[in-house]
Amino acid sequence: MAIMLAAAACSCSFINLDPVSEIPEDRMWKNQRDVNAGIAEIYSSFRTALRSNWFSWGEMRSDNFVLYQELPSEFRNLILNQMTTDLACTSWASLYKVISNTNFAIRNIPGAEITDQVLKDDYLAQAYAMRALCYFYAVRVWGAVPVYLEPVDNIAAAEVKGRTPMEEVLRNVIIPDLEKAEELINPSNVERKRISRAAVYCILADAQMWAGDFEAADATIDRFMSAYGSPVAPKSNSRYKFEPDIVNLKNSFVNHLNDRAGDNNPTVDEYGEPNEFIFVIHQNISEAGLNNYSLIWNVLGCGMGQGSTVVLSPKLQNVYEASISKAPVDKRFENYLCGSKSSMETYQVHKYMANGSSVNYQDVIDCQTAYPVYRYTDVVLMQAEVKANLDKWQEALDLIRIVLNRAGTGSRTAKLSDFASRDELIDYILDQKQFEQVGEGKRWFDLVRNHRVVKVMNPINGIDNENQELFPIHQSILNLCNGAYQQNPGY
């Protein structure tokens, strides 16, 4: 039986992928070398799962982007809300492959011959946290999903499980797994392309927000800031900090995320000196295969006037242009965007490239880059939303002001008297998050969590009911599971 059975996480053959290892389970997971290889495979399969879906799930159905050219593509369907059940992003197979790998790790690591208990616990924490993160992506995309917490050793005899509601998966799987990871993880693990305790706090607070437990999310973020320092009082020995200078932040996007060689040493951080980034998806492009280029540059743009898959939406373009039409000028305009010449003036998201630069295609062959999943600013903005939901409005605005101060526009932070309701304040916070986090895989999830999809997207692409907050389930999954799953409503 192959240890990394591709179909193990769901008993149906819809996850009909080749095994990634032919080593029988009873000859694997025996020692530190085996376990390290197993954990590395978890992250490798996660990179594959998120390589394109990072954009598809978090960005492309939102109001951030429009197509640069009207060419057939999956992103085109997402932007135009032409959802079909044959789109690659509607399949959960790649996520369940990662979940399968984590289930094998969780079952076998306790029995492995590793004398260093701290290291052994950290390996187990990685598996719990990665299982939680994969289920967290799954419920945000499809809502109810099947839950498998044990490896499936015999696919032919495996049980076909039904879908578990999102709320139950959050409260009974995702949050407990993250709490277990927090308990087990080694605080000295600082590698940003693997889960650290800081990353556990981020995912946990995010999941608690989705569960509507804002008191718990607030407490989790407080633990994060107690461990690593607050935005206004950073700890000198922390690897993670809120970067108050926009030029230094831009440098982190450009230099700390690009061309960093990977390694398997959790005590070595290849992503540079203390900076904003907490957890990233490290993409070794030659390992990922396909066309051997960075999708960040291919999708968002390679530089001044060069082509991209998408450009900033007219709505968001107007917001950014308004931000520099009055004093003080918002510094994010020049640091996050660049002009993209076509039949009309539009803008590419240019966070990941030096201002005024371009990248030739040949320069990105076999490159290594990283997609940000959580950075310190995420924590600040999450807590602002949490405070608003707890009716601590001034505290929420104070957190927004921290982000705007870096942009040079802190004096334009809204006042309490500007809001007549909690919903108005949350709309304001979501607008600030969109402005700051464009191109970081967050906007669609923010709209779904706050049930703003119809309100925001109906005038843009005609989404007219809340059922479409979820993605459809790939038709091959429905066909091969013998009626175990019903299609999400509306598709």
Protein backbone atom coordinates (compact mmCIF):
# COMPACT_ATOMS: atom_id res chain seq x y z
CA MET A 1 0.00 0.00 0.00
CA ALA A 2 1.54 3.35 -1.00
CA ILE A 3 2.09 5.64 1.95
CA MET A 4 0.90 8.83 0.26
CA LEU A 5 -2.20 7.34 -1.27
CA ALA A 6 -3.68 10.07 -3.41
CA ALA A 7 -7.25 8.91 -2.89
CA ALA A 8 -6.95 8.17 0.80
CA ALA A 9 -8.68 11.24 2.10
CA CYS A 10 -11.90 10.41 0.33
CA SER A 11 -13.00 6.90 -0.33
CA CYS A 12 -14.40 7.59 -3.78
CA SER A 13 -12.14 7.21 -6.77
CA PHE A 14 -12.70 10.82 -7.77
CA ILE A 15 -9.26 11.55 -6.34
CA ASN A 16 -7.79 9.29 -8.95
CA LEU A 17 -4.21 10.46 -8.84
CA ASP A 18 -1.00 8.46 -8.98
CA PRO A 19 0.59 7.69 -5.61
CA VAL A 20 3.48 10.01 -4.80
CA SER A 21 5.45 7.24 -3.12
CA GLU A 22 5.65 3.51 -3.65
CA ILE A 23 7.11 2.88 -0.20
CA PRO A 24 4.71 0.74 1.87
CA GLU A 25 3.48 2.44 5.02
CA ASP A 26 4.87 -0.31 7.24
CA ARG A 27 8.36 0.52 5.95
CA MET A 28 7.97 4.28 6.32
CA TRP A 29 7.64 6.69 9.27
CA LYS A 30 10.26 4.74 11.22
CA ASN A 31 12.79 7.45 12.05
CA GLN A 32 13.56 11.14 11.79
CA ARG A 33 14.63 10.89 8.16
CA ASP A 34 11.37 9.19 7.20
CA VAL A 35 9.25 11.69 9.10
CA ASN A 36 11.10 14.67 7.67
CA ALA A 37 10.47 13.29 4.18
CA GLY A 38 6.79 12.79 5.00
CA ILE A 39 6.41 16.35 6.27
CA ALA A 40 8.22 17.67 3.20
CA GLU A 41 5.71 15.79 1.03
CA ILE A 42 2.82 17.47 2.88
CA TYR A 43 4.17 20.87 1.91
CA SER A 44 5.02 19.76 -1.62
CA SER A 45 1.46 18.56 -2.25
CA PHE A 46 0.12 21.76 -0.66
CA ARG A 47 2.20 23.86 -3.06
CA THR A 48 0.74 21.94 -5.96
CA ALA A 49 -2.81 22.37 -4.63
CA LEU A 50 -2.45 26.14 -4.22
CA ARG A 51 -0.28 27.00 -7.22
CA SER A 52 -3.22 28.22 -9.30
CA ASN A 53 -6.01 27.94 -6.74
CA TRP A 54 -4.44 30.64 -4.56
CA PHE A 55 -5.67 33.02 -7.27
CA SER A 56 -8.85 31.14 -8.25
CA TRP A 57 -10.23 30.73 -4.74
CA GLY A 58 -9.14 33.98 -3.11
CA GLU A 59 -9.08 36.62 -5.84
CA MET A 60 -10.66 35.96 -9.20
CA ARG A 61 -14.36 35.96 -8.29
CA SER A 62 -13.99 39.24 -6.43
CA ASP A 63 -14.15 42.86 -7.54
CA ASN A 64 -10.37 43.24 -7.61
CA PHE A 65 -9.68 42.44 -11.25
CA VAL A 66 -10.88 42.40 -14.83
CA LEU A 67 -9.33 40.60 -17.78
CA TYR A 68 -6.43 42.26 -19.58
CA GLN A 69 -7.38 40.44 -22.78
CA GLU A 70 -10.58 38.55 -23.63
CA LEU A 71 -8.96 35.14 -23.94
CA PRO A 72 -10.57 31.86 -22.84
CA SER A 73 -9.26 30.83 -19.44
CA GLU A 74 -10.44 29.61 -16.06
CA PHE A 75 -9.81 33.06 -14.62
CA ARG A 76 -12.12 34.52 -17.27
CA ASN A 77 -14.95 32.25 -16.13
CA LEU A 78 -14.38 33.24 -12.52
CA ILE A 79 -14.26 36.97 -13.19
CA LEU A 80 -17.41 36.87 -15.34
CA ASN A 81 -19.22 34.47 -12.97
CA GLN A 82 -19.54 31.88 -15.70
CA MET A 83 -19.07 29.00 -13.29
CA THR A 84 -19.11 25.50 -14.76
CA THR A 85 -18.49 22.19 -13.07
CA ASP A 86 -15.53 21.28 -15.29
CA LEU A 87 -13.28 24.09 -14.05
CA ALA A 88 -10.16 22.77 -12.34
CA CYS A 89 -10.72 25.05 -9.34
CA THR A 90 -14.03 23.30 -8.56
CA SER A 91 -12.25 20.05 -7.67
CA TRP A 92 -11.19 19.41 -4.10
CA ALA A 93 -8.97 16.47 -5.12
CA SER A 94 -5.66 18.27 -4.62
CA LEU A 95 -6.61 19.43 -1.12
CA TYR A 96 -7.65 15.93 -0.09
CA LYS A 97 -4.33 14.61 -1.28
CA VAL A 98 -2.66 16.92 1.25
CA ILE A 99 -5.17 15.86 3.91
CA SER A 100 -4.36 12.22 3.15
CA ASN A 101 -0.68 12.93 3.70
CA THR A 102 -1.40 14.66 7.02
CA ASN A 103 -3.55 11.76 8.22
CA PHE A 104 -0.72 9.31 7.62
CA ALA A 105 1.64 11.64 9.48
CA ILE A 106 -0.67 12.05 12.47
CA ARG A 107 -1.14 8.29 12.78
CA ASN A 108 2.52 7.35 12.42
CA ILE A 109 4.66 10.12 13.95
CA PRO A 110 3.90 9.11 17.59
CA GLY A 111 5.48 5.70 16.95
CA ALA A 112 8.52 6.94 15.06
CA GLU A 113 11.98 6.51 16.59
CA ILE A 114 12.84 10.17 17.24
CA THR A 115 14.66 10.80 20.51
CA ASP A 116 14.23 14.58 20.39
CA GLN A 117 10.69 14.95 21.76
CA VAL A 118 10.53 18.67 20.94
CA LEU A 119 11.29 17.91 17.29
CA LYS A 120 8.87 15.00 17.26
CA ASP A 121 6.10 17.17 18.67
CA ASP A 122 6.87 19.87 16.12
CA TYR A 123 6.53 17.39 13.24
CA LEU A 124 3.15 16.39 14.63
CA ALA A 125 2.15 20.03 14.99
CA GLN A 126 2.99 20.61 11.32
CA ALA A 127 0.65 17.80 10.32
CA TYR A 128 -2.23 18.98 12.52
CA ALA A 129 -1.87 22.59 11.34
CA MET A 130 -1.65 21.67 7.67
CA ARG A 131 -4.70 19.40 7.93
CA ALA A 132 -6.58 22.28 9.53
CA LEU A 133 -5.46 24.73 6.86
CA CYS A 134 -6.56 22.42 4.03
CA TYR A 135 -9.97 21.86 5.59
CA PHE A 136 -10.17 25.63 6.16
CA TYR A 137 -9.67 26.26 2.45
CA ALA A 138 -12.18 23.53 1.64
CA VAL A 139 -15.04 24.87 3.77
CA ARG A 140 -14.48 28.43 2.58
CA VAL A 141 -14.72 27.30 -1.04
CA TRP A 142 -17.42 24.58 -0.91
CA GLY A 143 -19.13 24.92 2.48
CA ALA A 144 -19.97 21.40 3.66
CA VAL A 145 -17.23 18.88 2.87
CA PRO A 146 -16.51 15.22 3.70
CA VAL A 147 -14.27 14.79 6.75
CA TYR A 148 -11.59 12.10 6.97
CA LEU A 149 -9.38 12.12 10.05
CA GLU A 150 -7.87 8.66 9.62
CA PRO A 151 -5.82 7.31 6.71
CA VAL A 152 -7.68 5.07 4.29
CA ASP A 153 -5.63 1.90 3.89
CA ASN A 154 -7.94 0.11 1.47
CA ILE A 155 -9.74 2.31 -1.01
CA ALA A 156 -11.91 -0.48 -2.36
CA ALA A 157 -13.33 -1.16 1.09
CA ALA A 158 -13.37 2.45 2.28
CA GLU A 159 -16.48 4.11 3.59
CA VAL A 160 -18.14 6.79 1.49
CA LYS A 161 -18.70 9.64 3.89
CA GLY A 162 -21.24 12.38 3.42
CA ARG A 163 -20.54 16.09 3.67
CA THR A 164 -20.21 17.70 7.09
CA PRO A 165 -21.59 21.26 7.48
CA MET A 166 -19.04 24.07 7.53
CA GLU A 167 -19.84 25.07 11.10
CA GLU A 168 -19.16 21.55 12.38
CA VAL A 169 -15.90 21.26 10.44
CA LEU A 170 -14.74 24.58 11.86
CA ARG A 171 -15.63 23.77 15.46
CA ASN A 172 -14.89 20.04 15.57
CA VAL A 173 -11.93 19.68 13.20
CA ILE A 174 -10.18 22.88 12.18
CA ILE A 175 -10.09 24.76 15.48
CA PRO A 176 -9.21 21.67 17.61
CA ASP A 177 -6.43 20.73 15.18
CA LEU A 178 -4.98 24.23 15.44
CA GLU A 179 -5.24 24.24 19.22
CA LYS A 180 -3.36 20.92 19.23
CA ALA A 181 -0.73 22.41 16.91
CA GLU A 182 -0.34 25.43 19.19
CA GLU A 183 0.27 23.09 22.11
CA LEU A 184 2.84 20.93 20.29
CA ILE A 185 4.74 23.31 18.05
CA ASN A 186 8.31 24.32 18.78
CA PRO A 187 8.46 28.12 19.31
CA SER A 188 11.98 28.20 17.83
CA ASN A 189 10.61 27.02 14.47
CA VAL A 190 10.97 30.21 12.44
CA GLU A 191 10.82 28.99 8.84
CA ARG A 192 8.17 30.99 6.99
CA LYS A 193 7.49 28.39 4.35
CA ARG A 194 6.45 26.00 7.13
CA ILE A 195 3.94 26.48 9.90
CA SER A 196 5.30 28.37 12.91
CA ARG A 197 3.46 29.15 16.12
CA ALA A 198 2.85 32.64 14.69
CA ALA A 199 1.21 31.04 11.65
CA VAL A 200 -0.93 28.83 13.89
CA TYR A 201 -2.21 31.95 15.66
CA CYS A 202 -3.08 33.54 12.30
CA ILE A 203 -4.97 30.54 10.94
CA LEU A 204 -6.72 29.97 14.26
CA ALA A 205 -7.90 33.57 14.59
CA ASP A 206 -9.10 33.49 10.99
CA ALA A 207 -11.02 30.25 11.56
CA GLN A 208 -12.55 31.62 14.77
CA MET A 209 -13.77 34.65 12.82
CA TRP A 210 -15.43 32.36 10.30
CA ALA A 211 -17.05 30.48 13.18
CA GLY A 212 -18.37 33.80 14.51
CA ASP A 213 -16.41 33.46 17.75
CA PHE A 214 -14.98 36.97 17.85
CA GLU A 215 -14.06 36.88 21.53
CA ALA A 216 -11.88 33.83 20.90
CA ALA A 217 -10.34 35.40 17.79
CA ASP A 218 -9.51 38.55 19.76
CA ALA A 219 -7.84 36.45 22.46
CA THR A 220 -5.84 34.51 19.87
CA ILE A 221 -4.56 37.71 18.27
CA ASP A 222 -3.67 39.03 21.70
CA ARG A 223 -1.56 35.88 22.27
CA PHE A 224 0.14 36.52 18.94
CA MET A 225 1.00 40.09 19.88
CA SER A 226 2.10 39.08 23.37
CA ALA A 227 4.55 36.62 21.82
CA TYR A 228 5.83 38.73 18.93
CA GLY A 229 5.11 42.33 19.86
CA SER A 230 2.34 44.75 18.91
CA PRO A 231 2.45 47.05 15.88
CA VAL A 232 3.43 49.98 18.09
CA ALA A 233 5.72 48.03 20.43
CA PRO A 234 7.57 45.32 18.45
CA LYS A 235 9.82 42.87 20.28
CA SER A 236 13.47 43.19 19.34
CA ASN A 237 13.98 39.42 19.08
CA SER A 238 10.86 38.69 17.02
CA ARG A 239 11.10 37.38 13.46
CA TYR A 240 7.74 38.96 12.67
CA LYS A 241 6.96 42.65 12.84
CA PHE A 242 4.56 45.21 11.52
CA GLU A 243 6.63 47.20 9.03
CA PRO A 244 5.84 50.90 9.54
CA ASP A 245 7.77 52.10 6.49
CA ILE A 246 6.15 51.60 3.06
CA VAL A 247 9.52 51.46 1.28
CA ASN A 248 10.75 48.68 3.56
CA LEU A 249 7.46 46.84 3.12
CA LYS A 250 7.79 47.08 -0.65
CA ASN A 251 11.32 45.74 -0.34
CA SER A 252 9.97 42.75 1.58
CA PHE A 253 7.48 41.95 -1.20
CA VAL A 254 10.17 42.29 -3.86
CA ASN A 255 13.25 40.79 -2.23
CA HIS A 256 12.13 38.60 0.65
CA LEU A 257 9.63 36.59 -1.41
CA ASN A 258 11.67 36.05 -4.57
CA ASP A 259 14.54 33.75 -5.45
CA ARG A 260 14.89 32.23 -1.98
CA ALA A 261 16.29 28.72 -2.08
CA GLY A 262 14.33 26.17 -0.11
CA ASP A 263 15.64 23.96 2.69
CA ASN A 264 14.26 21.57 5.26
CA ASN A 265 15.75 23.13 8.36
CA PRO A 266 12.97 24.65 10.50
CA THR A 267 15.46 26.65 12.53
CA VAL A 268 16.75 28.53 9.46
CA ASP A 269 14.65 31.25 7.85
CA GLU A 270 15.65 31.87 4.26
CA TYR A 271 13.24 34.80 3.90
CA GLY A 272 15.51 37.44 5.34
CA GLU A 273 15.70 39.61 8.42
CA PRO A 274 12.62 40.22 10.60
CA ASN A 275 9.78 41.33 8.34
CA GLU A 276 6.03 41.23 7.76
CA PHE A 277 5.70 37.72 6.37
CA ILE A 278 4.50 34.96 8.68
CA PHE A 279 3.54 32.08 6.38
CA VAL A 280 4.18 31.80 2.66
CA ILE A 281 3.73 29.15 -0.03
CA HIS A 282 7.22 28.59 -1.35
CA GLN A 283 7.02 27.78 -5.05
CA ASN A 284 10.05 26.14 -6.58
CA ILE A 285 8.94 26.56 -10.17
CA SER A 286 10.99 23.75 -11.68
CA GLU A 287 9.52 21.41 -9.05
CA ALA A 288 6.00 22.63 -9.73
CA GLY A 289 6.47 21.95 -13.43
CA LEU A 290 3.88 23.14 -15.94
CA ASN A 291 5.28 26.14 -17.82
CA ASN A 292 8.12 26.93 -15.42
CA TYR A 293 7.25 30.51 -14.60
CA SER A 294 5.90 32.35 -11.64
CA LEU A 295 2.14 32.62 -11.81
CA ILE A 296 2.30 35.76 -9.67
CA TRP A 297 4.09 37.56 -12.49
CA ASN A 298 2.16 35.86 -15.26
CA VAL A 299 -1.26 36.60 -13.73
CA LEU A 300 -0.65 39.99 -12.15
CA GLY A 301 1.88 41.33 -14.66
CA CYS A 302 5.56 41.31 -15.52
CA GLY A 303 6.20 45.03 -15.46
CA MET A 304 5.82 48.41 -17.11
CA GLY A 305 3.44 48.05 -20.04
CA GLN A 306 3.87 44.29 -20.33
CA GLY A 307 0.99 41.87 -20.56
CA SER A 308 -0.78 40.16 -17.72
CA THR A 309 -3.82 37.96 -17.32
CA VAL A 310 -5.70 40.55 -15.27
CA VAL A 311 -5.57 44.25 -14.47
CA LEU A 312 -7.15 46.27 -11.72
CA SER A 313 -10.94 46.54 -11.96
CA PRO A 314 -12.34 49.96 -12.96
CA LYS A 315 -13.97 50.20 -9.54
CA LEU A 316 -10.73 49.65 -7.66
CA GLN A 317 -8.78 51.72 -10.15
CA ASN A 318 -11.02 54.68 -9.31
CA VAL A 319 -10.40 54.12 -5.59
CA TYR A 320 -6.64 54.12 -6.02
CA GLU A 321 -6.71 57.17 -8.30
CA ALA A 322 -8.85 59.04 -5.78
CA SER A 323 -6.25 58.22 -3.11
CA ILE A 324 -3.67 60.40 -4.87
CA SER A 325 -6.01 63.19 -5.91
CA LYS A 326 -5.78 64.92 -2.55
CA ALA A 327 -3.21 65.46 0.17
CA PRO A 328 -1.74 63.59 1.80
CA VAL A 329 -1.04 61.31 -1.15
CA ASP A 330 -1.42 57.59 -0.50
CA LYS A 331 2.01 56.00 -0.93
CA ARG A 332 0.54 52.63 -1.83
CA PHE A 333 -0.41 53.83 -5.31
CA GLU A 334 3.17 53.95 -6.56
CA ASN A 335 4.32 50.95 -4.50
CA TYR A 336 1.47 48.53 -5.20
CA LEU A 337 0.59 49.39 -8.82
CA CYS A 338 2.13 50.16 -12.18
CA GLY A 339 0.61 51.33 -15.44
CA SER A 340 -0.35 48.74 -18.05
CA LYS A 341 -0.61 50.26 -21.53
CA SER A 342 -3.43 48.97 -23.71
CA SER A 343 -6.33 50.62 -25.51
CA MET A 344 -6.95 52.42 -22.24
CA GLU A 345 -4.89 53.22 -19.19
CA THR A 346 -5.18 50.48 -16.61
CA TYR A 347 -3.04 49.23 -13.73
CA GLN A 348 -1.33 46.01 -12.81
CA VAL A 349 -0.76 44.96 -9.23
CA HIS A 350 2.97 45.43 -8.92
CA LYS A 351 3.63 44.57 -5.27
CA TYR A 352 6.02 41.78 -6.11
CA MET A 353 8.31 43.75 -8.43
CA ALA A 354 10.61 46.71 -7.95
CA ASN A 355 9.05 50.04 -8.92
CA GLY A 356 9.69 50.89 -12.56
CA SER A 357 11.04 47.46 -13.43
CA SER A 358 10.07 44.76 -15.89
CA VAL A 359 10.79 41.04 -15.95
CA ASN A 360 11.60 39.26 -19.18
CA TYR A 361 10.11 35.81 -19.60
CA GLN A 362 13.54 34.16 -19.70
CA ASP A 363 14.42 35.76 -16.37
CA VAL A 364 11.75 33.79 -14.55
CA ILE A 365 12.50 30.32 -15.90
CA ASP A 366 13.13 27.95 -12.97
CA CYS A 367 12.74 30.84 -10.54
CA GLN A 368 11.60 30.48 -6.95
CA THR A 369 8.97 32.74 -5.48
CA ALA A 370 6.50 32.71 -2.62
CA TYR A 371 2.82 33.55 -2.29
CA PRO A 372 1.97 35.33 0.97
CA VAL A 373 -0.70 33.60 3.05
CA TYR A 374 -0.39 35.64 6.24
CA ARG A 375 1.66 38.72 7.06
CA TYR A 376 1.60 40.95 10.12
CA THR A 377 -0.75 43.44 8.49
CA ASP A 378 -3.29 40.61 8.11
CA VAL A 379 -3.26 40.26 11.89
CA VAL A 380 -3.88 44.00 12.39
CA LEU A 381 -6.73 44.08 9.87
CA MET A 382 -8.29 40.88 11.20
CA GLN A 383 -8.32 42.36 14.67
CA ALA A 384 -9.90 45.56 13.36
CA GLU A 385 -12.76 43.48 11.96
CA VAL A 386 -12.97 41.50 15.20
CA LYS A 387 -13.15 44.69 17.29
CA ALA A 388 -15.93 46.03 15.07
CA ASN A 389 -17.94 42.84 15.59
CA LEU A 390 -17.42 43.21 19.33
CA ASP A 391 -18.71 46.80 19.09
CA LYS A 392 -15.34 48.22 20.11
CA TRP A 393 -15.49 50.72 17.28
CA GLN A 394 -12.76 53.11 18.36
CA GLU A 395 -10.32 50.27 18.89
CA ALA A 396 -11.13 49.05 15.37
CA LEU A 397 -10.45 52.50 13.91
CA ASP A 398 -7.22 52.82 15.88
CA LEU A 399 -5.99 49.63 14.22
CA ILE A 400 -6.95 50.91 10.78
CA ARG A 401 -5.05 54.11 11.52
CA ILE A 402 -1.87 52.10 12.08
CA VAL A 403 -2.08 50.73 8.53
CA LEU A 404 -2.99 54.12 7.06
CA ASN A 405 -0.14 55.84 8.88
CA ARG A 406 2.27 53.67 6.90
CA ALA A 407 0.51 54.72 3.71
CA GLY A 408 0.86 58.37 4.74
CA THR A 409 -2.88 58.87 5.09
CA GLY A 410 -3.46 58.30 8.79
CA SER A 411 -5.03 61.75 9.08
CA ARG A 412 -7.81 60.56 6.78
CA THR A 413 -8.89 57.70 9.05
CA ALA A 414 -12.65 57.77 9.52
CA LYS A 415 -14.13 58.97 12.82
CA LEU A 416 -16.69 57.29 15.04
CA SER A 417 -19.27 59.87 14.06
CA ASP A 418 -19.01 58.69 10.42
CA PHE A 419 -20.82 55.44 11.23
CA ALA A 420 -24.42 54.84 12.14
CA SER A 421 -24.22 51.04 12.36
CA ARG A 422 -21.85 48.13 12.78
CA ASP A 423 -22.42 47.15 9.15
CA GLU A 424 -21.24 50.56 7.97
CA LEU A 425 -18.06 50.21 10.01
CA ILE A 426 -17.40 46.70 8.70
CA ASP A 427 -17.91 47.93 5.13
CA TYR A 428 -15.27 50.59 5.80
CA ILE A 429 -12.85 48.02 7.22
CA LEU A 430 -13.39 45.70 4.26
CA ASP A 431 -12.66 48.59 1.91
CA GLN A 432 -9.41 49.25 3.75
CA LYS A 433 -8.50 45.58 3.61
CA GLN A 434 -9.16 45.48 -0.13
CA PHE A 435 -6.99 48.53 -0.75
CA GLU A 436 -4.11 47.15 1.33
CA GLN A 437 -4.29 43.45 0.44
CA VAL A 438 -5.06 43.52 -3.29
CA GLY A 439 -3.24 40.69 -5.02
CA GLU A 440 -2.80 38.64 -1.83
CA GLY A 441 -5.58 36.05 -2.20
CA LYS A 442 -7.95 37.50 0.41
CA ARG A 443 -10.74 39.60 -1.09
CA TRP A 444 -13.23 36.87 -2.09
CA PHE A 445 -13.01 35.23 1.31
CA ASP A 446 -13.64 38.59 3.02
CA LEU A 447 -16.77 39.08 0.92
CA VAL A 448 -18.06 35.56 1.62
CA ARG A 449 -17.39 35.64 5.38
CA ASN A 450 -19.27 38.93 5.70
CA HIS A 451 -22.06 37.97 3.25
CA ARG A 452 -21.24 40.91 0.97
CA VAL A 453 -21.00 38.90 -2.26
CA VAL A 454 -24.37 39.80 -3.77
CA LYS A 455 -24.18 43.42 -2.64
CA VAL A 456 -20.71 43.95 -4.12
CA MET A 457 -20.71 41.65 -7.14
CA ASN A 458 -24.24 41.92 -8.52
CA PRO A 459 -23.59 45.25 -10.29
CA ILE A 460 -20.33 43.85 -11.66
CA ASN A 461 -21.04 40.33 -12.90
CA GLY A 462 -24.64 39.60 -11.97
CA ILE A 463 -24.26 37.36 -8.91
CA ASP A 464 -27.77 37.53 -7.51
CA ASN A 465 -28.06 34.99 -4.70
CA GLU A 466 -26.04 33.91 -1.69
CA ASN A 467 -25.80 30.33 -2.96
CA GLN A 468 -23.11 31.58 -5.29
CA GLU A 469 -20.86 32.44 -2.37
CA LEU A 470 -19.78 28.81 -2.72
CA PHE A 471 -18.06 27.17 -5.66
CA PRO A 472 -19.74 24.28 -7.45
CA ILE A 473 -18.37 20.76 -6.95
CA HIS A 474 -16.52 19.33 -9.92
CA GLN A 475 -18.79 17.07 -11.94
CA SER A 476 -16.30 14.19 -11.93
CA ILE A 477 -16.58 14.02 -8.14
CA LEU A 478 -20.36 13.81 -8.32
CA ASN A 479 -20.23 11.20 -11.09
CA LEU A 480 -17.82 8.87 -9.32
CA CYS A 481 -19.29 9.02 -5.81
CA ASN A 482 -22.57 7.32 -6.68
CA GLY A 483 -24.86 10.03 -5.38
CA ALA A 484 -23.07 10.52 -2.04
CA TYR A 485 -22.83 14.27 -2.70
CA GLN A 486 -25.38 16.71 -4.03
CA GLN A 487 -24.24 19.69 -6.07
CA ASN A 488 -24.15 22.97 -4.21
CA PRO A 489 -27.44 24.88 -4.77
CA GLY A 490 -27.51 27.21 -7.73
CA TYR A 491 -25.34 25.14 -10.06
